[in-house]
Amino acid sequence: MMESFDDADVPSQILKGENTISSDVTITYGIR
């Protein structure tokens, strides 16, 4: 799941609960 996410999508990912907050942030920023 290395799609391009915007800041507005960050909260959406967290709300989805698919990954932990830390994972969401790292994936969103792509600094995994």
N, C-alpha and C. Protein backbone atom coordinates (compact mmCIF):
# COMPACT_ATOMS: atom_id res chain seq x y z
N MET A 1 0.84 -1.19 0.00
CA MET A 1 0.00 0.00 0.00
C MET A 1 0.88 1.25 0.00
N MET A 2 1.55 1.47 -1.11
CA MET A 2 2.43 2.63 -1.17
C MET A 2 1.80 3.71 -2.04
N GLU A 3 0.51 3.97 -1.80
CA GLU A 3 -0.19 4.98 -2.60
C GLU A 3 0.11 6.38 -2.08
N SER A 4 -0.16 7.39 -2.90
CA SER A 4 0.11 8.77 -2.50
C SER A 4 -1.04 9.27 -1.62
N PHE A 5 -0.73 9.60 -0.37
CA PHE A 5 -1.76 10.08 0.54
C PHE A 5 -1.51 11.53 0.91
N ASP A 6 -2.56 12.30 1.01
CA ASP A 6 -2.41 13.70 1.42
C ASP A 6 -2.66 13.84 2.92
N ASP A 7 -2.33 15.00 3.47
CA ASP A 7 -2.54 15.20 4.91
C ASP A 7 -4.00 14.92 5.26
N ALA A 8 -4.90 15.29 4.37
CA ALA A 8 -6.33 15.08 4.63
C ALA A 8 -6.64 13.58 4.69
N ASP A 9 -5.84 12.77 3.99
CA ASP A 9 -6.08 11.33 3.98
C ASP A 9 -5.47 10.65 5.22
N VAL A 10 -4.55 11.34 5.87
CA VAL A 10 -3.91 10.75 7.05
C VAL A 10 -4.95 10.39 8.10
N PRO A 11 -5.82 11.34 8.49
CA PRO A 11 -6.85 11.03 9.49
C PRO A 11 -7.77 9.90 9.00
N SER A 12 -8.04 9.88 7.71
CA SER A 12 -8.91 8.84 7.16
C SER A 12 -8.30 7.46 7.40
N GLN A 13 -7.00 7.33 7.17
CA GLN A 13 -6.32 6.06 7.37
C GLN A 13 -6.41 5.67 8.84
N ILE A 14 -6.21 6.63 9.72
CA ILE A 14 -6.27 6.33 11.16
C ILE A 14 -7.68 5.90 11.53
N LEU A 15 -8.68 6.58 10.99
CA LEU A 15 -10.07 6.23 11.29
C LEU A 15 -10.38 4.82 10.80
N LYS A 16 -9.81 4.45 9.66
CA LYS A 16 -10.05 3.11 9.12
C LYS A 16 -9.54 2.06 10.09
N GLY A 17 -8.44 2.37 10.79
CA GLY A 17 -7.92 1.43 11.77
C GLY A 17 -7.24 0.24 11.11
N GLU A 18 -6.94 0.35 9.81
CA GLU A 18 -6.28 -0.77 9.12
C GLU A 18 -4.88 -1.00 9.70
N ASN A 19 -4.19 0.10 10.01
CA ASN A 19 -2.84 -0.01 10.58
C ASN A 19 -2.75 0.87 11.82
N THR A 20 -1.69 0.69 12.58
CA THR A 20 -1.53 1.52 13.77
C THR A 20 -1.23 2.95 13.35
N ILE A 21 -1.41 3.90 14.25
CA ILE A 21 -1.17 5.31 13.91
C ILE A 21 0.26 5.48 13.41
N SER A 22 1.22 4.85 14.08
CA SER A 22 2.63 4.97 13.68
C SER A 22 2.81 4.45 12.26
N SER A 23 2.21 3.30 11.97
CA SER A 23 2.34 2.71 10.64
C SER A 23 1.71 3.64 9.60
N ASP A 24 0.55 4.20 9.93
CA ASP A 24 -0.12 5.10 8.99
C ASP A 24 0.77 6.29 8.67
N VAL A 25 1.35 6.89 9.69
CA VAL A 25 2.20 8.06 9.48
C VAL A 25 3.40 7.70 8.61
N THR A 26 4.06 6.58 8.95
CA THR A 26 5.24 6.18 8.19
C THR A 26 4.87 5.88 6.74
N ILE A 27 3.77 5.15 6.54
CA ILE A 27 3.36 4.80 5.18
C ILE A 27 2.99 6.07 4.41
N THR A 28 2.27 6.96 5.09
CA THR A 28 1.86 8.20 4.42
C THR A 28 3.07 9.01 4.00
N TYR A 29 4.04 9.11 4.89
CA TYR A 29 5.25 9.88 4.58
C TYR A 29 6.21 9.06 3.73
N GLY A 30 6.02 7.75 3.73
CA GLY A 30 6.90 6.88 2.94
C GLY A 30 8.29 6.79 3.54
N ILE A 31 8.36 6.98 4.85
CA ILE A 31 9.69 6.91 5.50
C ILE A 31 9.78 5.60 6.27
N ARG A 32 9.31 4.53 5.66
CA ARG A 32 9.32 3.26 6.40
C ARG A 32 10.73 2.70 6.44
